PDB file of all heavy atoms in Angstrom:
ATOM      1  N   ALA A   1       0.819  -1.126   0.026  1.00  0.00           N
ATOM      2  CA  ALA A   1       0.009  -0.024   0.012  1.00  0.00           C
ATOM      3  C   ALA A   1       0.894   1.229   0.061  1.00  0.00           C
ATOM      4  O   ALA A   1       1.963   1.197   0.610  1.00  0.00           O
ATOM      5  CB  ALA A   1      -0.869  -0.022   1.249  1.00  0.00           C
ATOM      6  N   VAL A   2       0.412   2.289  -0.691  1.00  0.00           N
ATOM      7  CA  VAL A   2       1.076   3.587  -0.721  1.00  0.00           C
ATOM      8  C   VAL A   2       0.185   4.623  -0.358  1.00  0.00           C
ATOM      9  O   VAL A   2      -0.682   4.955  -1.135  1.00  0.00           O
ATOM     10  CB  VAL A   2       1.784   3.831  -2.132  1.00  0.00           C
ATOM     11  CG1 VAL A   2       2.522   5.140  -2.128  1.00  0.00           C
ATOM     12  CG2 VAL A   2       2.746   2.760  -2.552  1.00  0.00           C
ATOM     13  N   LEU A   3       0.302   5.135   0.881  1.00  0.00           N
ATOM     14  CA  LEU A   3      -0.580   6.212   1.390  1.00  0.00           C
ATOM     15  C   LEU A   3       0.023   7.538   1.181  1.00  0.00           C
ATOM     16  O   LEU A   3       1.133   7.681   1.743  1.00  0.00           O
ATOM     17  CB  LEU A   3      -0.861   5.907   2.869  1.00  0.00           C
ATOM     18  CG  LEU A   3      -1.505   4.656   3.228  1.00  0.00           C
ATOM     19  CD1 LEU A   3      -1.704   4.600   4.747  1.00  0.00           C
ATOM     20  CD2 LEU A   3      -2.791   4.397   2.557  1.00  0.00           C
ATOM     21  N   ASP A   4      -0.533   8.366   0.388  1.00  0.00           N
ATOM     22  CA  ASP A   4      -0.017   9.814   0.180  1.00  0.00           C
ATOM     23  C   ASP A   4      -1.109  10.564  -0.392  1.00  0.00           C
ATOM     24  O   ASP A   4      -1.485  10.307  -1.528  1.00  0.00           O
ATOM     25  CB  ASP A   4       1.136   9.826  -0.730  1.00  0.00           C
ATOM     26  CG  ASP A   4       1.934  11.181  -0.834  1.00  0.00           C
ATOM     27  OD1 ASP A   4       1.219  12.125  -0.681  1.00  0.00           O
ATOM     28  OD2 ASP A   4       3.074  11.207  -1.037  1.00  0.00           O
ATOM     29  N   PRO A   5      -1.679  11.602   0.431  1.00  0.00           N
ATOM     30  CA  PRO A   5      -2.826  12.314  -0.116  1.00  0.00           C
ATOM     31  C   PRO A   5      -2.559  13.176  -1.316  1.00  0.00           C
ATOM     32  O   PRO A   5      -3.425  13.745  -1.987  1.00  0.00           O
ATOM     33  CB  PRO A   5      -3.192  13.221   1.130  1.00  0.00           C
ATOM     34  CG  PRO A   5      -1.914  13.198   1.984  1.00  0.00           C
ATOM     35  CD  PRO A   5      -1.236  11.891   1.788  1.00  0.00           C
ATOM     36  N   LYS A   6      -1.196  13.234  -1.635  1.00  0.00           N
ATOM     37  CA  LYS A   6      -0.855  14.104  -2.784  1.00  0.00           C
ATOM     38  C   LYS A   6      -0.800  13.199  -4.093  1.00  0.00           C
ATOM     39  O   LYS A   6      -0.533  13.591  -5.238  1.00  0.00           O
ATOM     40  CB  LYS A   6       0.556  14.665  -2.668  1.00  0.00           C
ATOM     41  CG  LYS A   6       0.504  15.838  -1.603  1.00  0.00           C
ATOM     42  CD  LYS A   6       1.901  16.550  -1.605  1.00  0.00           C
ATOM     43  CE  LYS A   6       1.821  17.733  -0.625  1.00  0.00           C
ATOM     44  NZ  LYS A   6       1.628  17.404   0.780  1.00  0.00           N
ATOM     45  N   ARG A   7      -1.141  11.837  -3.987  1.00  0.00           N
ATOM     46  CA  ARG A   7      -1.291  11.034  -5.162  1.00  0.00           C
ATOM     47  C   ARG A   7      -2.371  11.574  -6.034  1.00  0.00           C
ATOM     48  O   ARG A   7      -3.473  11.940  -5.569  1.00  0.00           O
ATOM     49  CB  ARG A   7      -1.590   9.591  -4.756  1.00  0.00           C
ATOM     50  CG  ARG A   7      -0.468   8.761  -4.193  1.00  0.00           C
ATOM     51  CD  ARG A   7      -0.920   7.340  -3.829  1.00  0.00           C
ATOM     52  NE  ARG A   7      -1.405   6.643  -4.989  1.00  0.00           N
ATOM     53  CZ  ARG A   7      -1.584   5.316  -5.033  1.00  0.00           C
ATOM     54  NH1 ARG A   7      -1.245   4.605  -3.900  1.00  0.00           N
ATOM     55  NH2 ARG A   7      -2.022   4.664  -6.122  1.00  0.00           N
ATOM     56  N   LEU A   8      -2.084  11.677  -7.282  1.00  0.00           N
ATOM     57  CA  LEU A   8      -3.073  12.146  -8.246  1.00  0.00           C
ATOM     58  C   LEU A   8      -4.435  11.266  -8.278  1.00  0.00           C
ATOM     59  O   LEU A   8      -5.382  11.774  -8.657  1.00  0.00           O
ATOM     60  CB  LEU A   8      -2.508  12.338  -9.640  1.00  0.00           C
ATOM     61  CG  LEU A   8      -1.373  13.317  -9.854  1.00  0.00           C
ATOM     62  CD1 LEU A   8      -0.869  13.290 -11.274  1.00  0.00           C
ATOM     63  CD2 LEU A   8      -1.786  14.665  -9.457  1.00  0.00           C
ATOM     64  N   ASP A   9      -4.256   9.939  -8.024  1.00  0.00           N
ATOM     65  CA  ASP A   9      -5.357   9.131  -8.053  1.00  0.00           C
ATOM     66  C   ASP A   9      -6.053   8.923  -6.602  1.00  0.00           C
ATOM     67  O   ASP A   9      -6.788   8.065  -6.355  1.00  0.00           O
ATOM     68  CB  ASP A   9      -5.015   7.796  -8.592  1.00  0.00           C
ATOM     69  CG  ASP A   9      -3.914   7.086  -7.788  1.00  0.00           C
ATOM     70  OD1 ASP A   9      -3.248   7.771  -6.922  1.00  0.00           O
ATOM     71  OD2 ASP A   9      -3.595   5.837  -7.994  1.00  0.00           O
ATOM     72  N   CYS A  10      -5.659   9.843  -5.782  1.00  0.00           N
ATOM     73  CA  CYS A  10      -6.098   9.759  -4.317  1.00  0.00           C
ATOM     74  C   CYS A  10      -7.228  10.873  -4.181  1.00  0.00           C
ATOM     75  O   CYS A  10      -7.007  12.071  -4.488  1.00  0.00           O
ATOM     76  CB  CYS A  10      -5.057   9.966  -3.265  1.00  0.00           C
ATOM     77  SG  CYS A  10      -5.656   9.915  -1.569  1.00  0.00           S
ATOM     78  N   ASN A  11      -8.386  10.433  -3.737  1.00  0.00           N
ATOM     79  CA  ASN A  11      -9.487  11.390  -3.585  1.00  0.00           C
ATOM     80  C   ASN A  11      -9.735  11.867  -2.160  1.00  0.00           C
ATOM     81  O   ASN A  11     -10.769  12.502  -1.776  1.00  0.00           O
ATOM     82  CB  ASN A  11     -10.830  10.782  -4.110  1.00  0.00           C
ATOM     83  CG  ASN A  11     -10.748  10.492  -5.529  1.00  0.00           C
ATOM     84  OD1 ASN A  11     -10.388  11.315  -6.291  1.00  0.00           O
ATOM     85  ND2 ASN A  11     -11.331   9.359  -5.926  1.00  0.00           N
ATOM     86  N   TYR A  12      -8.665  11.798  -1.280  1.00  0.00           N
ATOM     87  CA  TYR A  12      -8.842  12.164   0.065  1.00  0.00           C
ATOM     88  C   TYR A  12      -9.014  13.712   0.073  1.00  0.00           C
ATOM     89  O   TYR A  12      -8.371  14.419  -0.672  1.00  0.00           O
ATOM     90  CB  TYR A  12      -7.544  11.837   0.813  1.00  0.00           C
ATOM     91  CG  TYR A  12      -7.648  11.922   2.329  1.00  0.00           C
ATOM     92  CD1 TYR A  12      -8.397  11.053   3.068  1.00  0.00           C
ATOM     93  CD2 TYR A  12      -7.083  13.022   2.962  1.00  0.00           C
ATOM     94  CE1 TYR A  12      -8.543  11.046   4.358  1.00  0.00           C
ATOM     95  CE2 TYR A  12      -7.262  13.171   4.477  1.00  0.00           C
ATOM     96  CZ  TYR A  12      -8.007  12.141   5.060  1.00  0.00           C
ATOM     97  OH  TYR A  12      -8.115  12.304   6.433  1.00  0.00           O
ATOM     98  N   PRO A  13      -9.894  14.206   0.894  1.00  0.00           N
ATOM     99  CA  PRO A  13     -10.371  15.661   0.707  1.00  0.00           C
ATOM    100  C   PRO A  13      -9.344  16.760   1.109  1.00  0.00           C
ATOM    101  O   PRO A  13      -9.463  17.881   0.884  1.00  0.00           O
ATOM    102  CB  PRO A  13     -11.511  15.687   1.822  1.00  0.00           C
ATOM    103  CG  PRO A  13     -11.918  14.295   2.084  1.00  0.00           C
ATOM    104  CD  PRO A  13     -10.740  13.498   1.910  1.00  0.00           C
ATOM    105  N   PHE A  14      -8.195  16.312   1.836  1.00  0.00           N
ATOM    106  CA  PHE A  14      -7.207  17.221   2.256  1.00  0.00           C
ATOM    107  C   PHE A  14      -5.783  16.634   2.032  1.00  0.00           C
ATOM    108  O   PHE A  14      -5.505  15.568   2.504  1.00  0.00           O
ATOM    109  CB  PHE A  14      -7.414  17.474   3.801  1.00  0.00           C
ATOM    110  CG  PHE A  14      -6.484  18.474   4.381  1.00  0.00           C
ATOM    111  CD1 PHE A  14      -6.268  19.738   3.880  1.00  0.00           C
ATOM    112  CD2 PHE A  14      -5.683  18.048   5.467  1.00  0.00           C
ATOM    113  CE1 PHE A  14      -5.415  20.701   4.444  1.00  0.00           C
ATOM    114  CE2 PHE A  14      -4.795  18.960   6.076  1.00  0.00           C
ATOM    115  CZ  PHE A  14      -4.628  20.306   5.522  1.00  0.00           C
ATOM    116  N   ASP A  15      -4.969  17.500   1.325  1.00  0.00           N
ATOM    117  CA  ASP A  15      -3.636  16.926   1.007  1.00  0.00           C
ATOM    118  C   ASP A  15      -2.539  17.605   1.801  1.00  0.00           C
ATOM    119  O   ASP A  15      -1.369  17.547   1.490  1.00  0.00           O
ATOM    120  CB  ASP A  15      -3.345  17.028  -0.562  1.00  0.00           C
ATOM    121  CG  ASP A  15      -3.137  18.507  -0.983  1.00  0.00           C
ATOM    122  OD1 ASP A  15      -3.314  19.422  -0.145  1.00  0.00           O
ATOM    123  OD2 ASP A  15      -2.892  18.685  -2.113  1.00  0.00           O
ATOM    124  N   GLY A  16      -2.912  18.279   2.904  1.00  0.00           N
ATOM    125  CA  GLY A  16      -1.906  18.967   3.564  1.00  0.00           C
ATOM    126  C   GLY A  16      -1.468  18.348   4.913  1.00  0.00           C
ATOM    127  O   GLY A  16      -0.835  18.958   5.775  1.00  0.00           O
ATOM    128  N   LEU A  17      -1.738  17.114   5.063  1.00  0.00           N
ATOM    129  CA  LEU A  17      -1.337  16.314   6.186  1.00  0.00           C
ATOM    130  C   LEU A  17       0.146  16.237   6.424  1.00  0.00           C
ATOM    131  O   LEU A  17       0.907  16.259   5.381  1.00  0.00           O
ATOM    132  CB  LEU A  17      -1.793  14.882   6.294  1.00  0.00           C
ATOM    133  CG  LEU A  17      -3.394  14.726   6.359  1.00  0.00           C
ATOM    134  CD1 LEU A  17      -3.688  13.241   6.060  1.00  0.00           C
ATOM    135  CD2 LEU A  17      -3.860  15.075   7.777  1.00  0.00           C
ATOM    136  N   SER A  18       0.732  16.231   7.585  1.00  0.00           N
ATOM    137  CA  SER A  18       2.201  16.003   7.806  1.00  0.00           C
ATOM    138  C   SER A  18       2.390  14.457   7.646  1.00  0.00           C
ATOM    139  O   SER A  18       1.419  13.681   7.504  1.00  0.00           O
ATOM    140  CB  SER A  18       2.563  16.340   9.272  1.00  0.00           C
ATOM    141  OG  SER A  18       1.889  15.518  10.219  1.00  0.00           O
ATOM    142  N   GLY A  19       3.589  14.079   7.676  1.00  0.00           N
ATOM    143  CA  GLY A  19       4.042  12.618   7.614  1.00  0.00           C
ATOM    144  C   GLY A  19       3.345  11.866   8.801  1.00  0.00           C
ATOM    145  O   GLY A  19       2.781  10.745   8.509  1.00  0.00           O
ATOM    146  N   ALA A  20       3.524  12.421   9.904  1.00  0.00           N
ATOM    147  CA  ALA A  20       2.822  11.788  11.130  1.00  0.00           C
ATOM    148  C   ALA A  20       1.365  11.778  10.988  1.00  0.00           C
ATOM    149  O   ALA A  20       0.590  10.909  11.495  1.00  0.00           O
ATOM    150  CB  ALA A  20       3.315  12.472  12.429  1.00  0.00           C
ATOM    151  N   GLY A  21       0.817  12.861  10.277  1.00  0.00           N
ATOM    152  CA  GLY A  21      -0.655  12.857  10.103  1.00  0.00           C
ATOM    153  C   GLY A  21      -1.123  11.754   9.235  1.00  0.00           C
ATOM    154  O   GLY A  21      -2.214  11.189   9.589  1.00  0.00           O
ATOM    155  N   VAL A  22      -0.428  11.466   8.150  1.00  0.00           N
ATOM    156  CA  VAL A  22      -0.727  10.285   7.295  1.00  0.00           C
ATOM    157  C   VAL A  22      -0.640   9.012   8.178  1.00  0.00           C
ATOM    158  O   VAL A  22      -1.504   8.130   8.068  1.00  0.00           O
ATOM    159  CB  VAL A  22       0.142  10.213   6.039  1.00  0.00           C
ATOM    160  CG1 VAL A  22      -0.102   8.933   5.271  1.00  0.00           C
ATOM    161  CG2 VAL A  22       0.026  11.461   5.214  1.00  0.00           C
ATOM    162  N   GLY A  23       0.366   8.850   8.982  1.00  0.00           N
ATOM    163  CA  GLY A  23       0.488   7.759   9.842  1.00  0.00           C
ATOM    164  C   GLY A  23      -0.672   7.638  10.840  1.00  0.00           C
ATOM    165  O   GLY A  23      -1.142   6.509  11.118  1.00  0.00           O
ATOM    166  N   PHE A  24      -1.008   8.771  11.282  1.00  0.00           N
ATOM    167  CA  PHE A  24      -2.194   8.808  12.321  1.00  0.00           C
ATOM    168  C   PHE A  24      -3.482   8.265  11.590  1.00  0.00           C
ATOM    169  O   PHE A  24      -4.288   7.540  12.206  1.00  0.00           O
ATOM    170  CB  PHE A  24      -2.493  10.150  12.760  1.00  0.00           C
ATOM    171  CG  PHE A  24      -3.666  10.282  13.612  1.00  0.00           C
ATOM    172  CD1 PHE A  24      -3.591   9.931  14.978  1.00  0.00           C
ATOM    173  CD2 PHE A  24      -4.840  10.901  13.153  1.00  0.00           C
ATOM    174  CE1 PHE A  24      -4.784   9.960  15.731  1.00  0.00           C
ATOM    175  CE2 PHE A  24      -5.993  11.009  13.907  1.00  0.00           C
ATOM    176  CZ  PHE A  24      -5.861  10.640  15.193  1.00  0.00           C
ATOM    177  N   LYS A  25      -3.659   8.634  10.310  1.00  0.00           N
ATOM    178  CA  LYS A  25      -4.822   8.071   9.581  1.00  0.00           C
ATOM    179  C   LYS A  25      -4.752   6.588   9.407  1.00  0.00           C
ATOM    180  O   LYS A  25      -5.771   5.913   9.443  1.00  0.00           O
ATOM    181  CB  LYS A  25      -4.838   8.794   8.219  1.00  0.00           C
ATOM    182  CG  LYS A  25      -4.978  10.239   8.180  1.00  0.00           C
ATOM    183  CD  LYS A  25      -6.098  10.782   9.053  1.00  0.00           C
ATOM    184  CE  LYS A  25      -7.510  10.489   8.649  1.00  0.00           C
ATOM    185  NZ  LYS A  25      -8.527  11.186   9.372  1.00  0.00           N
ATOM    186  N   LEU A  26      -3.562   6.010   9.220  1.00  0.00           N
ATOM    187  CA  LEU A  26      -3.422   4.618   9.212  1.00  0.00           C
ATOM    188  C   LEU A  26      -3.713   3.982  10.512  1.00  0.00           C
ATOM    189  O   LEU A  26      -4.398   2.936  10.566  1.00  0.00           O
ATOM    190  CB  LEU A  26      -2.009   4.144   8.740  1.00  0.00           C
ATOM    191  CG  LEU A  26      -1.720   2.658   8.625  1.00  0.00           C
ATOM    192  CD1 LEU A  26      -2.788   1.844   7.870  1.00  0.00           C
ATOM    193  CD2 LEU A  26      -0.366   2.391   8.098  1.00  0.00           C
ATOM    194  N   VAL A  27      -3.348   4.519  11.619  1.00  0.00           N
ATOM    195  CA  VAL A  27      -3.674   4.074  12.908  1.00  0.00           C
ATOM    196  C   VAL A  27      -5.202   4.160  13.081  1.00  0.00           C
ATOM    197  O   VAL A  27      -5.766   3.146  13.661  1.00  0.00           O
ATOM    198  CB  VAL A  27      -2.912   4.827  13.969  1.00  0.00           C
ATOM    199  CG1 VAL A  27      -3.501   4.501  15.413  1.00  0.00           C
ATOM    200  CG2 VAL A  27      -1.412   4.607  13.911  1.00  0.00           C
ATOM    201  N   GLN A  28      -5.779   5.187  12.668  1.00  0.00           N
ATOM    202  CA  GLN A  28      -7.270   5.287  12.734  1.00  0.00           C
ATOM    203  C   GLN A  28      -7.920   4.116  11.948  1.00  0.00           C
ATOM    204  O   GLN A  28      -8.858   3.424  12.535  1.00  0.00           O
ATOM    205  CB  GLN A  28      -7.715   6.558  12.132  1.00  0.00           C
ATOM    206  CG  GLN A  28      -7.679   7.689  13.018  1.00  0.00           C
ATOM    207  CD  GLN A  28      -8.389   8.933  12.496  1.00  0.00           C
ATOM    208  OE1 GLN A  28      -8.281   9.255  11.286  1.00  0.00           O
ATOM    209  NE2 GLN A  28      -9.321   9.639  13.294  1.00  0.00           N
ATOM    210  N   GLY A  29      -7.379   3.835  10.722  1.00  0.00           N
ATOM    211  CA  GLY A  29      -8.027   2.796   9.903  1.00  0.00           C
ATOM    212  C   GLY A  29      -7.825   1.402  10.492  1.00  0.00           C
ATOM    213  O   GLY A  29      -8.743   0.614  10.462  1.00  0.00           O
ATOM    214  N   THR A  30      -6.629   1.226  11.036  1.00  0.00           N
ATOM    215  CA  THR A  30      -6.300  -0.003  11.578  1.00  0.00           C
ATOM    216  C   THR A  30      -7.097  -0.359  12.824  1.00  0.00           C
ATOM    217  O   THR A  30      -7.618  -1.448  13.049  1.00  0.00           O
ATOM    218  CB  THR A  30      -4.792  -0.106  12.018  1.00  0.00           C
ATOM    219  OG1 THR A  30      -4.004   0.135  10.766  1.00  0.00           O
ATOM    220  CG2 THR A  30      -4.387  -1.496  12.516  1.00  0.00           C
ATOM    221  N   THR A  31      -7.339   0.720  13.611  1.00  0.00           N
ATOM    222  CA  THR A  31      -8.134   0.631  14.861  1.00  0.00           C
ATOM    223  C   THR A  31      -9.555   0.167  14.460  1.00  0.00           C
ATOM    224  O   THR A  31     -10.136  -0.676  15.124  1.00  0.00           O
ATOM    225  CB  THR A  31      -8.144   1.936  15.567  1.00  0.00           C
ATOM    226  OG1 THR A  31      -6.761   2.298  16.071  1.00  0.00           O
ATOM    227  CG2 THR A  31      -8.986   1.862  16.777  1.00  0.00           C
ATOM    228  N   GLN A  32     -10.119   0.717  13.440  1.00  0.00           N
ATOM    229  CA  GLN A  32     -11.398   0.350  12.941  1.00  0.00           C
ATOM    230  C   GLN A  32     -11.423  -1.091  12.408  1.00  0.00           C
ATOM    231  O   GLN A  32     -12.440  -1.783  12.733  1.00  0.00           O
ATOM    232  CB  GLN A  32     -11.956   1.238  11.854  1.00  0.00           C
ATOM    233  CG  GLN A  32     -12.172   2.693  12.322  1.00  0.00           C
ATOM    234  CD  GLN A  32     -12.657   3.564  11.219  1.00  0.00           C
ATOM    235  OE1 GLN A  32     -13.435   3.135  10.398  1.00  0.00           O
ATOM    236  NE2 GLN A  32     -12.309   4.815  11.265  1.00  0.00           N
ATOM    237  N   LYS A  33     -10.413  -1.542  11.778  1.00  0.00           N
ATOM    238  CA  LYS A  33     -10.399  -2.958  11.264  1.00  0.00           C
ATOM    239  C   LYS A  33     -10.301  -3.911  12.391  1.00  0.00           C
ATOM    240  O   LYS A  33     -10.802  -5.031  12.348  1.00  0.00           O
ATOM    241  CB  LYS A  33      -9.161  -3.138  10.361  1.00  0.00           C
ATOM    242  CG  LYS A  33      -9.349  -2.482   9.015  1.00  0.00           C
ATOM    243  CD  LYS A  33     -10.379  -3.188   8.157  1.00  0.00           C
ATOM    244  CE  LYS A  33     -10.570  -2.594   6.735  1.00  0.00           C
ATOM    245  NZ  LYS A  33     -11.677  -3.179   6.059  1.00  0.00           N
ATOM    246  N   LEU A  34      -9.654  -3.531  13.467  1.00  0.00           N
ATOM    247  CA  LEU A  34      -9.529  -4.374  14.678  1.00  0.00           C
ATOM    248  C   LEU A  34     -10.766  -4.359  15.530  1.00  0.00           C
ATOM    249  O   LEU A  34     -10.844  -5.133  16.496  1.00  0.00           O
ATOM    250  CB  LEU A  34      -8.343  -4.004  15.433  1.00  0.00           C
ATOM    251  CG  LEU A  34      -6.946  -4.279  14.753  1.00  0.00           C
ATOM    252  CD1 LEU A  34      -5.814  -3.614  15.579  1.00  0.00           C
ATOM    253  CD2 LEU A  34      -6.652  -5.782  14.496  1.00  0.00           C
ATOM    254  N   GLY A  35     -11.776  -3.451  15.205  1.00  0.00           N
ATOM    255  CA  GLY A  35     -12.855  -3.351  16.009  1.00  0.00           C
ATOM    256  C   GLY A  35     -12.719  -2.754  17.411  1.00  0.00           C
ATOM    257  O   GLY A  35     -13.465  -3.003  18.319  1.00  0.00           O
ATOM    258  N   LEU A  36     -11.684  -1.821  17.485  1.00  0.00           N
ATOM    259  CA  LEU A  36     -11.383  -1.200  18.753  1.00  0.00           C
ATOM    260  C   LEU A  36     -12.069   0.118  18.829  1.00  0.00           C
ATOM    261  O   LEU A  36     -12.555   0.655  17.867  1.00  0.00           O
ATOM    262  CB  LEU A  36      -9.930  -1.114  18.853  1.00  0.00           C
ATOM    263  CG  LEU A  36      -9.148  -2.411  18.958  1.00  0.00           C
ATOM    264  CD1 LEU A  36      -7.572  -2.063  18.743  1.00  0.00           C
ATOM    265  CD2 LEU A  36      -9.370  -3.136  20.149  1.00  0.00           C
ATOM    266  N   PRO A  37     -12.197   0.763  20.000  1.00  0.00           N
ATOM    267  CA  PRO A  37     -12.819   2.041  20.161  1.00  0.00           C
ATOM    268  C   PRO A  37     -12.223   3.156  19.185  1.00  0.00           C
ATOM    269  O   PRO A  37     -10.915   3.241  19.107  1.00  0.00           O
ATOM    270  CB  PRO A  37     -12.581   2.451  21.643  1.00  0.00           C
ATOM    271  CG  PRO A  37     -12.412   1.059  22.318  1.00  0.00           C
ATOM    272  CD  PRO A  37     -11.688   0.195  21.378  1.00  0.00           C
ATOM    273  N   LYS A  38     -13.029   3.917  18.584  1.00  0.00           N
ATOM    274  CA  LYS A  38     -12.559   4.888  17.582  1.00  0.00           C
ATOM    275  C   LYS A  38     -11.602   5.936  18.322  1.00  0.00           C
ATOM    276  O   LYS A  38     -10.944   6.649  17.604  1.00  0.00           O
ATOM    277  CB  LYS A  38     -13.753   5.526  16.897  1.00  0.00           C
ATOM    278  CG  LYS A  38     -14.335   4.596  15.856  1.00  0.00           C
ATOM    279  CD  LYS A  38     -15.339   5.471  14.970  1.00  0.00           C
ATOM    280  CE  LYS A  38     -15.943   4.592  13.863  1.00  0.00           C
ATOM    281  NZ  LYS A  38     -16.758   5.428  12.979  1.00  0.00           N
ATOM    282  N   GLN A  39     -11.928   6.198  19.600  1.00  0.00           N
ATOM    283  CA  GLN A  39     -11.076   7.278  20.181  1.00  0.00           C
ATOM    284  C   GLN A  39      -9.642   6.846  20.647  1.00  0.00           C
ATOM    285  O   GLN A  39      -8.884   7.543  21.048  1.00  0.00           O
ATOM    286  CB  GLN A  39     -11.836   7.778  21.477  1.00  0.00           C
ATOM    287  CG  GLN A  39     -11.965   6.783  22.618  1.00  0.00           C
ATOM    288  CD  GLN A  39     -13.230   6.046  22.463  1.00  0.00           C
ATOM    289  OE1 GLN A  39     -13.852   5.858  21.350  1.00  0.00           O
ATOM    290  NE2 GLN A  39     -13.766   5.401  23.652  1.00  0.00           N
ATOM    291  N   LEU A  40      -9.373   5.507  20.438  1.00  0.00           N
ATOM    292  CA  LEU A  40      -8.064   4.997  20.863  1.00  0.00           C
ATOM    293  C   LEU A  40      -6.835   5.767  20.177  1.00  0.00           C
ATOM    294  O   LEU A  40      -5.929   6.138  20.861  1.00  0.00           O
ATOM    295  CB  LEU A  40      -7.951   3.474  20.528  1.00  0.00           C
ATOM    296  CG  LEU A  40      -6.787   2.755  20.976  1.00  0.00           C
ATOM    297  CD1 LEU A  40      -7.087   1.336  21.304  1.00  0.00           C
ATOM    298  CD2 LEU A  40      -5.633   2.718  19.891  1.00  0.00           C
ATOM    299  N   PRO A  41      -6.935   6.142  18.933  1.00  0.00           N
ATOM    300  CA  PRO A  41      -5.780   6.826  18.306  1.00  0.00           C
ATOM    301  C   PRO A  41      -5.604   8.164  18.841  1.00  0.00           C
ATOM    302  O   PRO A  41      -4.425   8.827  18.689  1.00  0.00           O
ATOM    303  CB  PRO A  41      -6.039   6.873  16.812  1.00  0.00           C
ATOM    304  CG  PRO A  41      -7.149   5.830  16.575  1.00  0.00           C
ATOM    305  CD  PRO A  41      -7.894   5.663  17.849  1.00  0.00           C
TER     306      PRO A  41
END
């Protein structure tokens, strides 16, 4: 997987995230996949 909101084929609404911000979004996504509380990240 290649996560980068600046990808031309990426429709994410905001491309100004920091590197840690992109990482945080993956932690959010992973938390949801694991069925854990959404506030954990």
